[in-house]
Amino acid sequence: MQSVLTIDLIASDPTIRNGQPCIAGTGVRVIDLAMAHLFHRRQPEEIAADYDISLAQVYAALSYYYAHKLELDNDIRSQIDKARALKEQGVGRATPFLPR
């Protein structure tokens, strides 16, 4: 009889990052690691070092991303749209220095 084994490295908790899937025991979101890999061309070893997590955690996050790609791609698009809207509003823009 076949047994399906799971790796418990991804968790979702409504009190952490609004329930978005994260590396278990951290607030590091799966979509943050996926974006680092896809958009910033970071290799899994680099991502592990950047976020101070294990290589197994990075691969678990990437596996979770590909298993839930449609849903997480929608989350990524939403995050990008929010960032663009905030940029257009000037949120986060440094106030110019005015001498006295």
N, C-alpha and C. Protein backbone atom coordinates (compact mmCIF):
# COMPACT_ATOMS: atom_id res chain seq x y z
N MET A 1 0.83 -1.18 0.00
CA MET A 1 0.00 0.00 0.00
C MET A 1 0.88 1.25 0.00
N GLN A 2 0.53 2.20 -0.85
CA GLN A 2 1.31 3.42 -0.97
C GLN A 2 0.92 4.43 0.10
N SER A 3 1.91 5.11 0.67
CA SER A 3 1.68 6.19 1.62
C SER A 3 2.14 7.49 1.00
N VAL A 4 1.33 8.51 1.11
CA VAL A 4 1.71 9.83 0.63
C VAL A 4 2.34 10.58 1.79
N LEU A 5 3.58 11.02 1.60
CA LEU A 5 4.31 11.73 2.65
C LEU A 5 4.24 13.22 2.38
N THR A 6 4.13 13.99 3.43
CA THR A 6 4.07 15.44 3.27
C THR A 6 5.26 16.08 3.98
N ILE A 7 5.57 17.27 3.56
CA ILE A 7 6.61 18.07 4.22
C ILE A 7 5.89 19.27 4.83
N ASP A 8 5.97 19.40 6.13
CA ASP A 8 5.24 20.45 6.84
C ASP A 8 6.10 21.72 6.97
N LEU A 9 6.42 22.34 5.83
CA LEU A 9 7.25 23.54 5.85
C LEU A 9 6.48 24.80 5.48
N ILE A 10 5.27 24.66 4.99
CA ILE A 10 4.44 25.80 4.61
C ILE A 10 3.23 25.84 5.53
N ALA A 11 2.93 27.03 6.04
CA ALA A 11 1.80 27.17 6.97
C ALA A 11 1.00 28.41 6.63
N SER A 12 -0.24 28.38 7.06
CA SER A 12 -1.13 29.53 6.90
C SER A 12 -1.79 29.79 8.25
N ASP A 13 -1.63 31.01 8.76
CA ASP A 13 -2.19 31.39 10.06
C ASP A 13 -2.85 32.74 9.87
N PRO A 14 -4.15 32.86 10.18
CA PRO A 14 -4.84 34.14 9.95
C PRO A 14 -4.23 35.31 10.72
N THR A 15 -3.44 35.04 11.77
CA THR A 15 -2.82 36.11 12.54
C THR A 15 -1.45 36.53 11.99
N ILE A 16 -0.97 35.80 10.98
CA ILE A 16 0.34 36.12 10.38
C ILE A 16 0.12 36.38 8.90
N ARG A 17 0.47 37.60 8.47
CA ARG A 17 0.39 37.98 7.05
C ARG A 17 -0.99 37.72 6.46
N ASN A 18 -2.03 37.98 7.26
CA ASN A 18 -3.42 37.81 6.82
C ASN A 18 -3.71 36.42 6.28
N GLY A 19 -3.03 35.43 6.82
CA GLY A 19 -3.30 34.05 6.42
C GLY A 19 -2.64 33.61 5.13
N GLN A 20 -1.79 34.47 4.55
CA GLN A 20 -1.10 34.07 3.32
C GLN A 20 -0.12 32.94 3.63
N PRO A 21 0.09 32.03 2.71
CA PRO A 21 1.02 30.92 2.96
C PRO A 21 2.44 31.44 3.18
N CYS A 22 3.03 30.97 4.27
CA CYS A 22 4.38 31.39 4.67
C CYS A 22 5.22 30.17 5.01
N ILE A 23 6.52 30.39 5.09
CA ILE A 23 7.41 29.37 5.62
C ILE A 23 7.00 29.18 7.08
N ALA A 24 6.72 27.94 7.49
CA ALA A 24 6.27 27.66 8.85
C ALA A 24 7.23 28.24 9.88
N GLY A 25 6.67 28.91 10.88
CA GLY A 25 7.47 29.49 11.95
C GLY A 25 8.07 30.84 11.62
N THR A 26 7.75 31.37 10.44
CA THR A 26 8.29 32.68 10.02
C THR A 26 7.15 33.50 9.42
N GLY A 27 7.44 34.72 9.08
CA GLY A 27 6.50 35.55 8.34
C GLY A 27 6.89 35.69 6.88
N VAL A 28 7.80 34.84 6.42
CA VAL A 28 8.28 34.90 5.04
C VAL A 28 7.23 34.26 4.14
N ARG A 29 6.63 35.09 3.27
CA ARG A 29 5.56 34.60 2.41
C ARG A 29 6.10 33.81 1.22
N VAL A 30 5.32 32.83 0.82
CA VAL A 30 5.64 32.03 -0.35
C VAL A 30 5.78 32.94 -1.57
N ILE A 31 4.88 33.93 -1.73
CA ILE A 31 4.95 34.78 -2.92
C ILE A 31 6.21 35.64 -2.92
N ASP A 32 6.74 36.00 -1.74
CA ASP A 32 7.99 36.76 -1.71
C ASP A 32 9.14 35.93 -2.29
N LEU A 33 9.17 34.65 -1.93
CA LEU A 33 10.24 33.78 -2.45
C LEU A 33 10.03 33.50 -3.93
N ALA A 34 8.79 33.31 -4.33
CA ALA A 34 8.50 33.07 -5.75
C ALA A 34 8.89 34.29 -6.58
N MET A 35 8.57 35.50 -6.10
CA MET A 35 8.93 36.72 -6.84
C MET A 35 10.44 36.89 -6.90
N ALA A 36 11.14 36.57 -5.82
CA ALA A 36 12.61 36.66 -5.83
C ALA A 36 13.18 35.75 -6.91
N HIS A 37 12.59 34.57 -7.04
CA HIS A 37 13.08 33.60 -8.02
C HIS A 37 12.68 33.98 -9.45
N LEU A 38 11.42 34.34 -9.64
CA LEU A 38 10.90 34.59 -10.99
C LEU A 38 11.29 35.95 -11.54
N PHE A 39 11.15 37.00 -10.75
CA PHE A 39 11.36 38.36 -11.25
C PHE A 39 12.78 38.86 -11.04
N HIS A 40 13.40 38.42 -9.95
CA HIS A 40 14.75 38.91 -9.64
C HIS A 40 15.83 37.89 -9.99
N ARG A 41 15.39 36.76 -10.56
CA ARG A 41 16.30 35.73 -11.05
C ARG A 41 17.25 35.21 -9.96
N ARG A 42 16.77 35.18 -8.71
CA ARG A 42 17.59 34.65 -7.62
C ARG A 42 17.50 33.13 -7.64
N GLN A 43 18.62 32.49 -7.45
CA GLN A 43 18.68 31.03 -7.38
C GLN A 43 18.26 30.59 -5.97
N PRO A 44 17.74 29.37 -5.84
CA PRO A 44 17.30 28.91 -4.52
C PRO A 44 18.35 29.07 -3.42
N GLU A 45 19.61 28.79 -3.74
CA GLU A 45 20.68 28.96 -2.74
C GLU A 45 20.81 30.41 -2.31
N GLU A 46 20.67 31.32 -3.25
CA GLU A 46 20.75 32.75 -2.93
C GLU A 46 19.56 33.20 -2.08
N ILE A 47 18.38 32.70 -2.43
CA ILE A 47 17.17 33.04 -1.67
C ILE A 47 17.31 32.55 -0.24
N ALA A 48 17.80 31.32 -0.06
CA ALA A 48 17.99 30.78 1.29
C ALA A 48 18.91 31.68 2.10
N ALA A 49 19.99 32.13 1.50
CA ALA A 49 20.93 33.02 2.19
C ALA A 49 20.29 34.39 2.45
N ASP A 50 19.59 34.92 1.45
CA ASP A 50 18.95 36.24 1.59
C ASP A 50 17.97 36.28 2.75
N TYR A 51 17.19 35.21 2.91
CA TYR A 51 16.12 35.18 3.92
C TYR A 51 16.50 34.40 5.17
N ASP A 52 17.73 33.88 5.22
CA ASP A 52 18.22 33.10 6.36
C ASP A 52 17.28 31.93 6.66
N ILE A 53 16.97 31.17 5.62
CA ILE A 53 16.14 29.98 5.74
C ILE A 53 16.88 28.83 5.05
N SER A 54 16.38 27.62 5.25
CA SER A 54 17.05 26.46 4.65
C SER A 54 16.68 26.32 3.18
N LEU A 55 17.52 25.61 2.47
CA LEU A 55 17.26 25.32 1.06
C LEU A 55 15.98 24.49 0.93
N ALA A 56 15.75 23.59 1.87
CA ALA A 56 14.51 22.80 1.85
C ALA A 56 13.29 23.70 1.96
N GLN A 57 13.36 24.75 2.77
CA GLN A 57 12.24 25.68 2.91
C GLN A 57 12.00 26.44 1.61
N VAL A 58 13.07 26.82 0.94
CA VAL A 58 12.93 27.52 -0.34
C VAL A 58 12.26 26.60 -1.36
N TYR A 59 12.74 25.38 -1.48
CA TYR A 59 12.15 24.45 -2.45
C TYR A 59 10.71 24.11 -2.09
N ALA A 60 10.39 24.03 -0.80
CA ALA A 60 9.00 23.78 -0.39
C ALA A 60 8.12 24.95 -0.82
N ALA A 61 8.62 26.17 -0.65
CA ALA A 61 7.85 27.35 -1.05
C ALA A 61 7.65 27.39 -2.56
N LEU A 62 8.69 27.10 -3.31
CA LEU A 62 8.56 27.09 -4.77
C LEU A 62 7.62 25.98 -5.23
N SER A 63 7.69 24.83 -4.59
CA SER A 63 6.77 23.73 -4.91
C SER A 63 5.33 24.13 -4.61
N TYR A 64 5.13 24.78 -3.47
CA TYR A 64 3.79 25.24 -3.11
C TYR A 64 3.30 26.26 -4.13
N TYR A 65 4.19 27.18 -4.52
CA TYR A 65 3.82 28.18 -5.52
C TYR A 65 3.34 27.51 -6.81
N TYR A 66 4.11 26.55 -7.33
CA TYR A 66 3.72 25.92 -8.60
C TYR A 66 2.47 25.06 -8.45
N ALA A 67 2.23 24.52 -7.27
CA ALA A 67 1.01 23.73 -7.04
C ALA A 67 -0.23 24.62 -6.94
N HIS A 68 -0.03 25.91 -6.60
CA HIS A 68 -1.14 26.86 -6.42
C HIS A 68 -0.92 28.11 -7.27
N LYS A 69 -0.31 27.92 -8.44
CA LYS A 69 0.16 29.02 -9.29
C LYS A 69 -0.93 30.04 -9.64
N LEU A 70 -2.08 29.61 -10.06
CA LEU A 70 -3.14 30.53 -10.48
C LEU A 70 -3.54 31.46 -9.33
N GLU A 71 -3.80 30.89 -8.19
CA GLU A 71 -4.20 31.68 -7.02
C GLU A 71 -3.09 32.64 -6.58
N LEU A 72 -1.86 32.15 -6.52
CA LEU A 72 -0.75 32.99 -6.06
C LEU A 72 -0.36 34.04 -7.10
N ASP A 73 -0.49 33.72 -8.39
CA ASP A 73 -0.25 34.74 -9.42
C ASP A 73 -1.25 35.88 -9.28
N ASN A 74 -2.48 35.57 -8.92
CA ASN A 74 -3.47 36.63 -8.69
C ASN A 74 -3.07 37.49 -7.49
N ASP A 75 -2.54 36.87 -6.43
CA ASP A 75 -2.06 37.62 -5.28
C ASP A 75 -0.88 38.52 -5.66
N ILE A 76 0.02 38.00 -6.48
CA ILE A 76 1.18 38.78 -6.92
C ILE A 76 0.71 39.98 -7.75
N ARG A 77 -0.22 39.74 -8.69
CA ARG A 77 -0.75 40.85 -9.51
C ARG A 77 -1.40 41.91 -8.63
N SER A 78 -2.15 41.49 -7.65
CA SER A 78 -2.81 42.42 -6.74
C SER A 78 -1.77 43.24 -5.97
N GLN A 79 -0.72 42.60 -5.51
CA GLN A 79 0.34 43.30 -4.79
C GLN A 79 1.02 44.32 -5.70
N ILE A 80 1.29 43.95 -6.94
CA ILE A 80 1.92 44.87 -7.89
C ILE A 80 1.00 46.06 -8.18
N ASP A 81 -0.29 45.79 -8.36
CA ASP A 81 -1.26 46.87 -8.60
C ASP A 81 -1.33 47.84 -7.43
N LYS A 82 -1.31 47.32 -6.20
CA LYS A 82 -1.34 48.18 -5.01
C LYS A 82 -0.08 49.04 -4.94
N ALA A 83 1.07 48.44 -5.25
CA ALA A 83 2.34 49.18 -5.23
C ALA A 83 2.33 50.30 -6.27
N ARG A 84 1.80 50.01 -7.45
CA ARG A 84 1.73 51.05 -8.50
C ARG A 84 0.82 52.19 -8.06
N ALA A 85 -0.33 51.86 -7.47
CA ALA A 85 -1.27 52.89 -7.02
C ALA A 85 -0.63 53.77 -5.94
N LEU A 86 0.09 53.16 -5.01
CA LEU A 86 0.75 53.93 -3.97
C LEU A 86 1.84 54.82 -4.56
N LYS A 87 2.55 54.30 -5.54
CA LYS A 87 3.61 55.09 -6.19
C LYS A 87 3.01 56.29 -6.89
N GLU A 88 1.88 56.09 -7.58
CA GLU A 88 1.21 57.20 -8.27
C GLU A 88 0.71 58.26 -7.30
N GLN A 89 0.35 57.84 -6.09
CA GLN A 89 -0.11 58.78 -5.07
C GLN A 89 1.05 59.48 -4.37
N GLY A 90 2.26 59.01 -4.65
CA GLY A 90 3.44 59.61 -4.03
C GLY A 90 3.71 59.09 -2.63
N VAL A 91 3.05 58.03 -2.23
CA VAL A 91 3.27 57.45 -0.91
C VAL A 91 4.69 56.91 -0.85
N GLY A 92 5.41 57.29 0.22
CA GLY A 92 6.77 56.81 0.39
C GLY A 92 7.81 57.69 -0.27
N ARG A 93 7.37 58.71 -0.99
CA ARG A 93 8.31 59.61 -1.65
C ARG A 93 8.96 60.48 -0.58
N ALA A 94 10.26 60.63 -0.67
CA ALA A 94 10.99 61.45 0.29
C ALA A 94 10.62 62.92 0.11
N THR A 95 10.49 63.60 1.22
CA THR A 95 10.22 65.04 1.18
C THR A 95 11.53 65.74 0.82
N PRO A 96 11.48 66.66 -0.14
CA PRO A 96 12.72 67.34 -0.52
C PRO A 96 13.25 68.18 0.65
N PHE A 97 14.56 68.20 0.76
CA PHE A 97 15.22 68.98 1.80
C PHE A 97 15.11 70.46 1.45
N LEU A 98 14.62 71.23 2.40
CA LEU A 98 14.52 72.68 2.21
C LEU A 98 15.42 73.37 3.21
N PRO A 99 16.45 74.09 2.73
CA PRO A 99 17.35 74.78 3.67
C PRO A 99 16.62 75.90 4.39
N ARG A 100 17.07 76.23 5.55
CA ARG A 100 16.45 77.32 6.34
C ARG A 100 16.91 78.66 5.89
